[in-house]
Amino acid sequence: MSLMKVYILLLVTVVLQTGCAQSPSPEDQIKVAVLAAPAGLRDGAMVYGYDAKGQLVVLRKGTNQLICLGDDPKQDGISVSCYHTDLEPFMARGRVLKAEGKSFQEIFDMRETEVKAGKLNMPKSPSTLYVYTADGWDPATGETKNGYLRFVIYIAYATSETTGLPNKPTAAGDPWIMDPGTHRAHIMISPAPPKKN
């Protein structure tokens, strides 16, 4: 076999291996996804995850007000989130626009326009998103490495004046309002991250 053929074969192998990240089992995906949820709500949460083709699918139907989004196996580390069902139209629209290749700013602008036009509904009361990240997860023990949980409370069109919150973070764990005056206005609560293991 010529050197060129060996090179092409190696290149194809690398592309196939990097382009086809294998999804963990649905059971493992659910275990990781609900790490973002409060303990008392984990068993009843609806969970989205990824099938063998890398497509987002429903892994488990829910019985409470929480929806969890599993970790994308194509991305490094662990990143999962759970949110109140009232946020699903907003979240689902964002996923559709992202799949169409829209940038963050395009998604922001399109959802803002759609909310103002009454085509996309935002929750009428504050709705929470929990975001959990980690450097990795051990399926044998169920433990994560360097896990970190932060909280996002969506409150559309809220401002510093209507909430009494600052528009910038002050200290770790102190709430502040991000994207004030827009459909995506939300209260951020980011505790100090734990020391790395």
N, C-alpha and C. Protein backbone atom coordinates (compact mmCIF):
# COMPACT_ATOMS: atom_id res chain seq x y z
N MET A 1 0.85 -1.19 0.00
CA MET A 1 0.00 0.00 0.00
C MET A 1 0.89 1.24 0.00
N SER A 2 0.55 2.19 -0.83
CA SER A 2 1.38 3.39 -0.93
C SER A 2 1.19 4.27 0.31
N LEU A 3 2.17 5.13 0.51
CA LEU A 3 2.13 6.05 1.64
C LEU A 3 0.90 6.96 1.56
N MET A 4 0.54 7.38 0.35
CA MET A 4 -0.63 8.24 0.17
C MET A 4 -1.91 7.51 0.60
N LYS A 5 -2.05 6.23 0.25
CA LYS A 5 -3.24 5.46 0.63
C LYS A 5 -3.31 5.28 2.15
N VAL A 6 -2.17 5.05 2.77
CA VAL A 6 -2.13 4.92 4.23
C VAL A 6 -2.57 6.22 4.88
N TYR A 7 -2.09 7.33 4.35
CA TYR A 7 -2.45 8.65 4.88
C TYR A 7 -3.95 8.89 4.76
N ILE A 8 -4.52 8.59 3.60
CA ILE A 8 -5.96 8.78 3.37
C ILE A 8 -6.76 7.89 4.31
N LEU A 9 -6.34 6.64 4.48
CA LEU A 9 -7.04 5.70 5.36
C LEU A 9 -7.03 6.21 6.81
N LEU A 10 -5.88 6.71 7.25
CA LEU A 10 -5.79 7.25 8.61
C LEU A 10 -6.68 8.49 8.77
N LEU A 11 -6.69 9.35 7.76
CA LEU A 11 -7.50 10.55 7.81
C LEU A 11 -8.98 10.21 7.88
N VAL A 12 -9.43 9.26 7.08
CA VAL A 12 -10.83 8.84 7.09
C VAL A 12 -11.20 8.26 8.45
N THR A 13 -10.32 7.46 9.03
CA THR A 13 -10.57 6.86 10.34
C THR A 13 -10.74 7.92 11.41
N VAL A 14 -9.86 8.93 11.40
CA VAL A 14 -9.94 10.01 12.39
C VAL A 14 -11.24 10.78 12.22
N VAL A 15 -11.61 11.10 11.00
CA VAL A 15 -12.85 11.85 10.73
C VAL A 15 -14.07 11.06 11.22
N LEU A 16 -14.09 9.76 10.91
CA LEU A 16 -15.22 8.94 11.33
C LEU A 16 -15.30 8.85 12.85
N GLN A 17 -14.17 8.72 13.50
CA GLN A 17 -14.18 8.59 14.95
C GLN A 17 -14.58 9.89 15.63
N THR A 18 -14.13 11.01 15.12
CA THR A 18 -14.46 12.29 15.75
C THR A 18 -15.84 12.75 15.37
N GLY A 19 -16.33 12.37 14.21
CA GLY A 19 -17.63 12.85 13.75
C GLY A 19 -18.79 12.00 14.23
N CYS A 20 -18.53 10.86 14.84
CA CYS A 20 -19.61 9.96 15.24
C CYS A 20 -19.52 9.66 16.73
N ALA A 21 -19.57 10.69 17.54
CA ALA A 21 -19.53 10.47 18.98
C ALA A 21 -20.72 9.61 19.38
N GLN A 22 -20.43 8.55 20.13
CA GLN A 22 -21.47 7.61 20.49
C GLN A 22 -22.23 8.12 21.70
N SER A 23 -23.56 8.04 21.63
CA SER A 23 -24.38 8.48 22.76
C SER A 23 -24.39 7.40 23.82
N PRO A 24 -24.30 7.80 25.10
CA PRO A 24 -24.46 6.84 26.18
C PRO A 24 -25.87 6.24 26.14
N SER A 25 -26.10 5.21 26.92
CA SER A 25 -27.43 4.58 26.95
C SER A 25 -28.46 5.59 27.43
N PRO A 26 -29.74 5.41 27.06
CA PRO A 26 -30.78 6.32 27.54
C PRO A 26 -30.81 6.41 29.07
N GLU A 27 -30.59 5.28 29.73
CA GLU A 27 -30.61 5.27 31.20
C GLU A 27 -29.51 6.17 31.77
N ASP A 28 -28.29 6.05 31.20
CA ASP A 28 -27.19 6.89 31.66
C ASP A 28 -27.42 8.36 31.32
N GLN A 29 -27.97 8.62 30.15
CA GLN A 29 -28.26 10.01 29.78
C GLN A 29 -29.25 10.64 30.76
N ILE A 30 -30.26 9.86 31.16
CA ILE A 30 -31.26 10.37 32.10
C ILE A 30 -30.62 10.66 33.45
N LYS A 31 -29.76 9.74 33.92
CA LYS A 31 -29.08 9.93 35.21
C LYS A 31 -28.28 11.22 35.24
N VAL A 32 -27.60 11.50 34.12
CA VAL A 32 -26.78 12.71 34.05
C VAL A 32 -27.65 13.95 33.89
N ALA A 33 -28.66 13.88 33.03
CA ALA A 33 -29.51 15.05 32.76
C ALA A 33 -30.17 15.58 34.02
N VAL A 34 -30.67 14.68 34.87
CA VAL A 34 -31.41 15.13 36.05
C VAL A 34 -30.51 15.64 37.17
N LEU A 35 -29.19 15.59 36.99
CA LEU A 35 -28.29 16.17 37.99
C LEU A 35 -28.52 17.67 38.12
N ALA A 36 -29.08 18.28 37.09
CA ALA A 36 -29.36 19.72 37.14
C ALA A 36 -30.61 20.03 37.96
N ALA A 37 -31.47 19.03 38.17
CA ALA A 37 -32.76 19.25 38.82
C ALA A 37 -32.66 19.18 40.34
N PRO A 38 -33.55 19.89 41.04
CA PRO A 38 -33.63 19.68 42.49
C PRO A 38 -33.95 18.21 42.76
N ALA A 39 -33.36 17.65 43.81
CA ALA A 39 -33.48 16.21 44.08
C ALA A 39 -34.93 15.72 44.10
N GLY A 40 -35.82 16.48 44.69
CA GLY A 40 -37.21 16.06 44.81
C GLY A 40 -38.00 16.06 43.50
N LEU A 41 -37.43 16.64 42.44
CA LEU A 41 -38.12 16.72 41.16
C LEU A 41 -37.51 15.83 40.08
N ARG A 42 -36.41 15.14 40.40
CA ARG A 42 -35.69 14.36 39.40
C ARG A 42 -36.49 13.21 38.81
N ASP A 43 -37.15 12.45 39.66
CA ASP A 43 -37.85 11.24 39.19
C ASP A 43 -39.00 11.55 38.23
N GLY A 44 -39.61 12.72 38.35
CA GLY A 44 -40.77 13.03 37.52
C GLY A 44 -40.47 13.93 36.33
N ALA A 45 -39.20 14.31 36.15
CA ALA A 45 -38.86 15.24 35.07
C ALA A 45 -38.89 14.55 33.71
N MET A 46 -39.38 15.26 32.72
CA MET A 46 -39.26 14.81 31.33
C MET A 46 -37.80 15.01 30.92
N VAL A 47 -37.28 14.07 30.10
CA VAL A 47 -35.87 14.17 29.72
C VAL A 47 -35.69 14.03 28.21
N TYR A 48 -35.01 15.01 27.62
CA TYR A 48 -34.54 14.92 26.24
C TYR A 48 -33.11 14.39 26.26
N GLY A 49 -32.76 13.57 25.26
CA GLY A 49 -31.40 13.09 25.11
C GLY A 49 -31.12 12.85 23.65
N TYR A 50 -30.09 12.05 23.37
CA TYR A 50 -29.65 11.84 22.00
C TYR A 50 -29.72 10.37 21.61
N ASP A 51 -30.21 10.13 20.39
CA ASP A 51 -30.26 8.76 19.88
C ASP A 51 -28.94 8.41 19.20
N ALA A 52 -28.88 7.21 18.62
CA ALA A 52 -27.64 6.73 18.01
C ALA A 52 -27.18 7.61 16.85
N LYS A 53 -28.11 8.35 16.22
CA LYS A 53 -27.76 9.24 15.11
C LYS A 53 -27.41 10.65 15.59
N GLY A 54 -27.45 10.85 16.90
CA GLY A 54 -27.13 12.17 17.43
C GLY A 54 -28.29 13.14 17.39
N GLN A 55 -29.51 12.62 17.13
CA GLN A 55 -30.69 13.47 17.08
C GLN A 55 -31.29 13.61 18.48
N LEU A 56 -31.80 14.80 18.79
CA LEU A 56 -32.44 15.04 20.08
C LEU A 56 -33.81 14.37 20.09
N VAL A 57 -34.05 13.54 21.11
CA VAL A 57 -35.30 12.79 21.22
C VAL A 57 -35.77 12.80 22.68
N VAL A 58 -37.04 12.47 22.89
CA VAL A 58 -37.56 12.34 24.24
C VAL A 58 -37.14 10.96 24.76
N LEU A 59 -36.38 10.95 25.85
CA LEU A 59 -35.96 9.69 26.47
C LEU A 59 -36.96 9.23 27.53
N ARG A 60 -37.63 10.19 28.16
CA ARG A 60 -38.60 9.85 29.20
C ARG A 60 -39.65 10.93 29.29
N LYS A 61 -40.91 10.53 29.33
CA LYS A 61 -42.00 11.48 29.54
C LYS A 61 -42.02 11.88 31.00
N GLY A 62 -42.49 13.09 31.26
CA GLY A 62 -42.48 13.60 32.62
C GLY A 62 -43.82 13.57 33.30
N THR A 63 -43.78 13.69 34.62
CA THR A 63 -45.01 13.74 35.42
C THR A 63 -45.06 14.99 36.29
N ASN A 64 -44.07 15.86 36.17
CA ASN A 64 -44.10 17.11 36.92
C ASN A 64 -43.82 18.29 35.98
N GLN A 65 -43.47 19.41 36.56
CA GLN A 65 -43.32 20.65 35.77
C GLN A 65 -41.92 20.89 35.25
N LEU A 66 -41.05 19.86 35.27
CA LEU A 66 -39.67 20.08 34.87
C LEU A 66 -39.31 19.31 33.61
N ILE A 67 -38.52 19.95 32.74
CA ILE A 67 -37.98 19.33 31.53
C ILE A 67 -36.46 19.40 31.62
N CYS A 68 -35.79 18.28 31.38
CA CYS A 68 -34.33 18.25 31.45
C CYS A 68 -33.75 17.95 30.07
N LEU A 69 -32.65 18.59 29.77
CA LEU A 69 -31.96 18.44 28.50
C LEU A 69 -30.63 17.75 28.75
N GLY A 70 -30.45 16.57 28.15
CA GLY A 70 -29.26 15.77 28.37
C GLY A 70 -28.00 16.36 27.77
N ASP A 71 -26.89 15.74 28.11
CA ASP A 71 -25.59 16.18 27.65
C ASP A 71 -25.37 15.81 26.17
N ASP A 72 -24.86 16.75 25.40
CA ASP A 72 -24.54 16.50 24.00
C ASP A 72 -23.24 15.72 23.92
N PRO A 73 -23.27 14.46 23.44
CA PRO A 73 -22.04 13.65 23.43
C PRO A 73 -20.96 14.19 22.50
N LYS A 74 -21.30 15.11 21.62
CA LYS A 74 -20.31 15.68 20.71
C LYS A 74 -19.49 16.80 21.36
N GLN A 75 -19.92 17.24 22.53
CA GLN A 75 -19.23 18.33 23.22
C GLN A 75 -18.37 17.78 24.36
N ASP A 76 -17.28 18.46 24.66
CA ASP A 76 -16.41 18.05 25.77
C ASP A 76 -17.09 18.32 27.10
N GLY A 77 -16.77 17.49 28.09
CA GLY A 77 -17.30 17.69 29.42
C GLY A 77 -18.79 17.38 29.50
N ILE A 78 -19.39 17.76 30.61
CA ILE A 78 -20.81 17.54 30.85
C ILE A 78 -21.50 18.90 30.96
N SER A 79 -22.61 19.05 30.27
CA SER A 79 -23.43 20.25 30.39
C SER A 79 -24.89 19.85 30.21
N VAL A 80 -25.65 19.90 31.31
CA VAL A 80 -27.06 19.54 31.28
C VAL A 80 -27.86 20.66 31.92
N SER A 81 -29.15 20.68 31.63
CA SER A 81 -29.99 21.72 32.21
C SER A 81 -31.40 21.20 32.40
N CYS A 82 -32.12 21.82 33.32
CA CYS A 82 -33.53 21.52 33.54
C CYS A 82 -34.26 22.84 33.67
N TYR A 83 -35.50 22.87 33.17
CA TYR A 83 -36.24 24.12 33.21
C TYR A 83 -37.73 23.85 33.36
N HIS A 84 -38.44 24.87 33.82
CA HIS A 84 -39.89 24.78 34.01
C HIS A 84 -40.57 24.61 32.65
N THR A 85 -41.64 23.84 32.62
CA THR A 85 -42.34 23.57 31.35
C THR A 85 -42.83 24.85 30.66
N ASP A 86 -43.07 25.91 31.43
CA ASP A 86 -43.51 27.17 30.81
C ASP A 86 -42.45 27.75 29.87
N LEU A 87 -41.19 27.34 30.04
CA LEU A 87 -40.11 27.84 29.18
C LEU A 87 -39.95 27.02 27.90
N GLU A 88 -40.69 25.92 27.75
CA GLU A 88 -40.47 25.04 26.60
C GLU A 88 -40.65 25.74 25.24
N PRO A 89 -41.68 26.58 25.03
CA PRO A 89 -41.77 27.25 23.72
C PRO A 89 -40.52 28.07 23.39
N PHE A 90 -40.00 28.79 24.36
CA PHE A 90 -38.80 29.60 24.19
C PHE A 90 -37.58 28.71 23.90
N MET A 91 -37.43 27.66 24.69
CA MET A 91 -36.29 26.76 24.52
C MET A 91 -36.37 26.01 23.19
N ALA A 92 -37.55 25.50 22.87
CA ALA A 92 -37.73 24.74 21.63
C ALA A 92 -37.44 25.61 20.41
N ARG A 93 -37.90 26.85 20.44
CA ARG A 93 -37.65 27.76 19.32
C ARG A 93 -36.16 28.01 19.17
N GLY A 94 -35.46 28.16 20.28
CA GLY A 94 -34.02 28.34 20.22
C GLY A 94 -33.31 27.15 19.60
N ARG A 95 -33.77 25.94 19.94
CA ARG A 95 -33.14 24.74 19.38
C ARG A 95 -33.36 24.67 17.87
N VAL A 96 -34.56 25.02 17.43
CA VAL A 96 -34.86 25.00 16.00
C VAL A 96 -33.97 25.99 15.25
N LEU A 97 -33.87 27.19 15.76
CA LEU A 97 -33.08 28.23 15.09
C LEU A 97 -31.59 27.87 15.10
N LYS A 98 -31.12 27.28 16.20
CA LYS A 98 -29.72 26.85 16.26
C LYS A 98 -29.45 25.76 15.23
N ALA A 99 -30.38 24.82 15.10
CA ALA A 99 -30.23 23.74 14.11
C ALA A 99 -30.20 24.28 12.69
N GLU A 100 -30.84 25.44 12.47
CA GLU A 100 -30.83 26.08 11.16
C GLU A 100 -29.53 26.85 10.91
N GLY A 101 -28.65 26.86 11.90
CA GLY A 101 -27.36 27.52 11.73
C GLY A 101 -27.34 28.99 12.12
N LYS A 102 -28.38 29.45 12.80
CA LYS A 102 -28.44 30.86 13.21
C LYS A 102 -27.44 31.12 14.33
N SER A 103 -26.88 32.31 14.35
CA SER A 103 -25.94 32.72 15.40
C SER A 103 -26.71 33.07 16.67
N PHE A 104 -25.96 33.24 17.77
CA PHE A 104 -26.60 33.62 19.04
C PHE A 104 -27.40 34.91 18.88
N GLN A 105 -26.79 35.93 18.23
CA GLN A 105 -27.47 37.21 18.07
C GLN A 105 -28.69 37.09 17.18
N GLU A 106 -28.60 36.29 16.12
CA GLU A 106 -29.77 36.09 15.25
C GLU A 106 -30.90 35.43 16.01
N ILE A 107 -30.56 34.44 16.83
CA ILE A 107 -31.59 33.75 17.62
C ILE A 107 -32.23 34.73 18.60
N PHE A 108 -31.39 35.53 19.26
CA PHE A 108 -31.90 36.53 20.20
C PHE A 108 -32.87 37.47 19.50
N ASP A 109 -32.44 38.03 18.37
CA ASP A 109 -33.25 39.02 17.66
C ASP A 109 -34.55 38.42 17.13
N MET A 110 -34.48 37.20 16.60
CA MET A 110 -35.68 36.58 16.05
C MET A 110 -36.70 36.26 17.14
N ARG A 111 -36.22 35.76 18.27
CA ARG A 111 -37.16 35.46 19.37
C ARG A 111 -37.73 36.75 19.95
N GLU A 112 -36.92 37.79 20.04
CA GLU A 112 -37.43 39.08 20.54
C GLU A 112 -38.56 39.58 19.64
N THR A 113 -38.35 39.52 18.34
CA THR A 113 -39.37 39.96 17.38
C THR A 113 -40.63 39.10 17.51
N GLU A 114 -40.46 37.80 17.62
CA GLU A 114 -41.60 36.89 17.70
C GLU A 114 -42.38 37.06 19.00
N VAL A 115 -41.69 37.32 20.11
CA VAL A 115 -42.38 37.55 21.38
C VAL A 115 -43.19 38.84 21.30
N LYS A 116 -42.59 39.89 20.76
CA LYS A 116 -43.30 41.17 20.65
C LYS A 116 -44.50 41.09 19.71
N ALA A 117 -44.41 40.20 18.71
CA ALA A 117 -45.51 40.03 17.76
C ALA A 117 -46.57 39.06 18.27
N GLY A 118 -46.33 38.47 19.42
CA GLY A 118 -47.29 37.51 19.98
C GLY A 118 -47.21 36.13 19.37
N LYS A 119 -46.16 35.85 18.61
CA LYS A 119 -46.01 34.54 17.97
C LYS A 119 -45.29 33.54 18.88
N LEU A 120 -44.57 34.05 19.87
CA LEU A 120 -43.83 33.20 20.80
C LEU A 120 -44.14 33.67 22.21
N ASN A 121 -44.63 32.76 23.02
CA ASN A 121 -45.03 33.13 24.37
C ASN A 121 -43.92 32.89 25.39
N MET A 122 -43.70 33.90 26.22
CA MET A 122 -42.81 33.76 27.36
C MET A 122 -43.68 33.57 28.60
N PRO A 123 -43.14 32.91 29.63
CA PRO A 123 -43.93 32.70 30.85
C PRO A 123 -44.42 34.01 31.45
N LYS A 124 -45.62 33.97 32.01
CA LYS A 124 -46.19 35.17 32.62
C LYS A 124 -45.65 35.38 34.04
N SER A 125 -45.07 34.35 34.63
CA SER A 125 -44.47 34.47 35.96
C SER A 125 -43.02 33.97 35.87
N PRO A 126 -42.19 34.31 36.85
CA PRO A 126 -40.79 33.87 36.80
C PRO A 126 -40.68 32.34 36.65
N SER A 127 -39.77 31.91 35.79
CA SER A 127 -39.57 30.47 35.52
C SER A 127 -38.08 30.16 35.58
N THR A 128 -37.75 29.06 36.24
CA THR A 128 -36.36 28.74 36.54
C THR A 128 -35.72 27.77 35.57
N LEU A 129 -34.45 28.04 35.27
CA LEU A 129 -33.58 27.14 34.52
C LEU A 129 -32.42 26.79 35.44
N TYR A 130 -32.13 25.49 35.57
CA TYR A 130 -30.99 25.01 36.35
C TYR A 130 -29.95 24.51 35.35
N VAL A 131 -28.71 24.93 35.52
CA VAL A 131 -27.63 24.53 34.60
C VAL A 131 -26.53 23.85 35.42
N TYR A 132 -26.20 22.61 35.02
CA TYR A 132 -25.18 21.84 35.73
C TYR A 132 -24.07 21.48 34.75
N THR A 133 -22.84 21.80 35.12
CA THR A 133 -21.69 21.45 34.29
C THR A 133 -20.68 20.66 35.13
N ALA A 134 -19.89 19.84 34.44
CA ALA A 134 -18.86 19.06 35.11
C ALA A 134 -17.80 18.68 34.08
N ASP A 135 -16.63 18.29 34.57
CA ASP A 135 -15.56 17.89 33.67
C ASP A 135 -15.75 16.46 33.16
N GLY A 136 -16.57 15.68 33.85
CA GLY A 136 -16.80 14.31 33.41
C GLY A 136 -17.75 13.61 34.36
N TRP A 137 -18.17 12.39 33.97
CA TRP A 137 -19.11 11.60 34.76
C TRP A 137 -18.69 10.14 34.69
N ASP A 138 -18.69 9.47 35.84
CA ASP A 138 -18.31 8.06 35.93
C ASP A 138 -19.57 7.22 36.02
N PRO A 139 -19.93 6.47 34.96
CA PRO A 139 -21.16 5.68 35.00
C PRO A 139 -21.15 4.60 36.07
N ALA A 140 -19.98 4.12 36.46
CA ALA A 140 -19.90 3.06 37.47
C ALA A 140 -20.30 3.57 38.85
N THR A 141 -19.88 4.80 39.17
CA THR A 141 -20.17 5.36 40.50
C THR A 141 -21.30 6.38 40.48
N GLY A 142 -21.61 6.93 39.29
CA GLY A 142 -22.61 7.98 39.20
C GLY A 142 -22.10 9.34 39.65
N GLU A 143 -20.79 9.44 39.85
CA GLU A 143 -20.21 10.69 40.34
C GLU A 143 -19.63 11.53 39.20
N THR A 144 -19.72 12.83 39.38
CA THR A 144 -19.14 13.75 38.41
C THR A 144 -17.85 14.32 38.97
N LYS A 145 -17.07 14.90 38.07
CA LYS A 145 -15.83 15.57 38.48
C LYS A 145 -16.01 17.07 38.32
N ASN A 146 -15.78 17.80 39.39
CA ASN A 146 -15.88 19.26 39.39
C ASN A 146 -17.26 19.75 38.96
N GLY A 147 -18.30 19.16 39.53
CA GLY A 147 -19.67 19.58 39.21
C GLY A 147 -19.98 20.97 39.73
N TYR A 148 -20.80 21.70 38.96
CA TYR A 148 -21.13 23.08 39.31
C TYR A 148 -22.55 23.39 38.85
N LEU A 149 -23.36 23.91 39.76
CA LEU A 149 -24.77 24.23 39.48
C LEU A 149 -24.99 25.73 39.60
N ARG A 150 -25.63 26.30 38.57
CA ARG A 150 -26.02 27.71 38.64
C ARG A 150 -27.50 27.83 38.29
N PHE A 151 -28.08 28.98 38.61
CA PHE A 151 -29.52 29.17 38.49
C PHE A 151 -29.83 30.39 37.63
N VAL A 152 -30.85 30.25 36.79
CA VAL A 152 -31.29 31.32 35.90
C VAL A 152 -32.80 31.43 36.05
N ILE A 153 -33.29 32.60 36.40
CA ILE A 153 -34.73 32.79 36.58
C ILE A 153 -35.21 33.78 35.53
N TYR A 154 -35.93 33.27 34.53
CA TYR A 154 -36.43 34.11 33.45
C TYR A 154 -37.62 34.93 33.93
N ILE A 155 -37.56 36.23 33.64
CA ILE A 155 -38.63 37.15 34.02
C ILE A 155 -38.69 38.22 32.92
N ALA A 156 -39.39 37.88 31.85
CA ALA A 156 -39.39 38.68 30.61
C ALA A 156 -39.62 40.16 30.86
N TYR A 157 -38.78 40.96 30.22
CA TYR A 157 -38.85 42.42 30.22
C TYR A 157 -38.58 43.06 31.58
N ALA A 158 -38.09 42.29 32.53
CA ALA A 158 -37.73 42.86 33.82
C ALA A 158 -36.51 43.75 33.67
N THR A 159 -36.39 44.70 34.57
CA THR A 159 -35.24 45.62 34.57
C THR A 159 -34.72 45.75 36.00
N SER A 160 -33.64 46.47 36.12
CA SER A 160 -33.11 46.75 37.45
C SER A 160 -34.13 47.54 38.27
N GLU A 161 -34.85 48.43 37.58
CA GLU A 161 -35.85 49.26 38.26
C GLU A 161 -37.05 48.44 38.75
N THR A 162 -37.45 47.41 37.99
CA THR A 162 -38.63 46.63 38.40
C THR A 162 -38.28 45.51 39.37
N THR A 163 -37.00 45.20 39.51
CA THR A 163 -36.61 44.10 40.39
C THR A 163 -35.75 44.53 41.58
N GLY A 164 -35.10 45.69 41.46
CA GLY A 164 -34.18 46.11 42.51
C GLY A 164 -32.85 45.39 42.45
N LEU A 165 -32.57 44.72 41.34
CA LEU A 165 -31.32 43.97 41.18
C LEU A 165 -30.35 44.75 40.30
N PRO A 166 -29.04 44.57 40.54
CA PRO A 166 -28.06 45.23 39.68
C PRO A 166 -28.00 44.58 38.30
N ASN A 167 -27.49 45.33 37.32
CA ASN A 167 -27.35 44.83 35.96
C ASN A 167 -26.02 44.12 35.72
N LYS A 168 -25.20 44.04 36.76
CA LYS A 168 -23.90 43.38 36.65
C LYS A 168 -23.67 42.54 37.90
N PRO A 169 -22.90 41.46 37.76
CA PRO A 169 -22.61 40.67 38.96
C PRO A 169 -21.76 41.46 39.95
N THR A 170 -22.00 41.26 41.23
CA THR A 170 -21.24 41.96 42.25
C THR A 170 -20.28 40.99 42.95
N ALA A 171 -20.82 39.92 43.51
CA ALA A 171 -19.99 38.90 44.16
C ALA A 171 -20.59 37.53 43.85
N ALA A 172 -19.77 36.49 43.97
CA ALA A 172 -20.24 35.14 43.67
C ALA A 172 -21.48 34.82 44.50
N GLY A 173 -22.51 34.33 43.82
CA GLY A 173 -23.75 33.96 44.50
C GLY A 173 -24.76 35.07 44.61
N ASP A 174 -24.35 36.32 44.38
CA ASP A 174 -25.30 37.43 44.44
C ASP A 174 -26.13 37.48 43.16
N PRO A 175 -27.45 37.64 43.27
CA PRO A 175 -28.28 37.71 42.07
C PRO A 175 -28.09 39.03 41.33
N TRP A 176 -28.20 38.96 40.01
CA TRP A 176 -28.16 40.15 39.18
C TRP A 176 -29.01 39.88 37.94
N ILE A 177 -29.39 40.92 37.21
CA ILE A 177 -30.27 40.74 36.06
C ILE A 177 -29.49 40.92 34.76
N MET A 178 -29.67 39.94 33.87
CA MET A 178 -28.98 39.94 32.58
C MET A 178 -30.01 40.17 31.47
N ASP A 179 -29.62 40.81 30.40
CA ASP A 179 -30.50 41.15 29.28
C ASP A 179 -31.75 41.90 29.75
N PRO A 180 -31.59 42.90 30.63
CA PRO A 180 -32.76 43.60 31.15
C PRO A 180 -33.57 44.29 30.04
N GLY A 181 -34.88 44.33 30.25
CA GLY A 181 -35.76 45.02 29.30
C GLY A 181 -36.02 44.26 28.02
N THR A 182 -35.60 43.00 27.95
CA THR A 182 -35.84 42.18 26.75
C THR A 182 -36.66 40.93 27.11
N HIS A 183 -37.09 40.22 26.07
CA HIS A 183 -37.83 38.98 26.31
C HIS A 183 -37.00 37.98 27.11
N ARG A 184 -35.67 38.08 27.00
CA ARG A 184 -34.74 37.13 27.59
C ARG A 184 -34.19 37.61 28.94
N ALA A 185 -34.80 38.63 29.52
CA ALA A 185 -34.34 39.13 30.82
C ALA A 185 -34.39 37.98 31.83
N HIS A 186 -33.30 37.85 32.58
CA HIS A 186 -33.26 36.76 33.57
C HIS A 186 -32.35 37.11 34.72
N ILE A 187 -32.70 36.58 35.87
CA ILE A 187 -31.90 36.75 37.07
C ILE A 187 -30.86 35.64 37.11
N MET A 188 -29.61 36.03 37.22
CA MET A 188 -28.51 35.08 37.30
C MET A 188 -28.08 34.90 38.75
N ILE A 189 -27.92 33.63 39.15
CA ILE A 189 -27.37 33.32 40.47
C ILE A 189 -26.28 32.28 40.25
N SER A 190 -25.04 32.70 40.38
CA SER A 190 -23.90 31.82 40.11
C SER A 190 -23.03 31.72 41.36
N PRO A 191 -23.24 30.66 42.15
CA PRO A 191 -22.40 30.49 43.35
C PRO A 191 -20.92 30.39 42.97
N ALA A 192 -20.06 30.60 43.95
CA ALA A 192 -18.62 30.44 43.70
C ALA A 192 -18.35 29.00 43.29
N PRO A 193 -17.61 28.80 42.21
CA PRO A 193 -17.34 27.43 41.78
C PRO A 193 -16.49 26.68 42.79
N PRO A 194 -16.70 25.36 42.91
CA PRO A 194 -15.88 24.59 43.86
C PRO A 194 -14.43 24.50 43.38
N LYS A 195 -13.54 24.18 44.30
CA LYS A 195 -12.14 24.00 43.93
C LYS A 195 -12.02 22.78 43.02
N LYS A 196 -11.21 22.90 41.98
CA LYS A 196 -11.02 21.80 41.03
C LYS A 196 -10.33 20.62 41.70
N ASN A 197 -10.81 19.42 41.36
CA ASN A 197 -10.19 18.18 41.86
C ASN A 197 -8.94 17.85 41.08
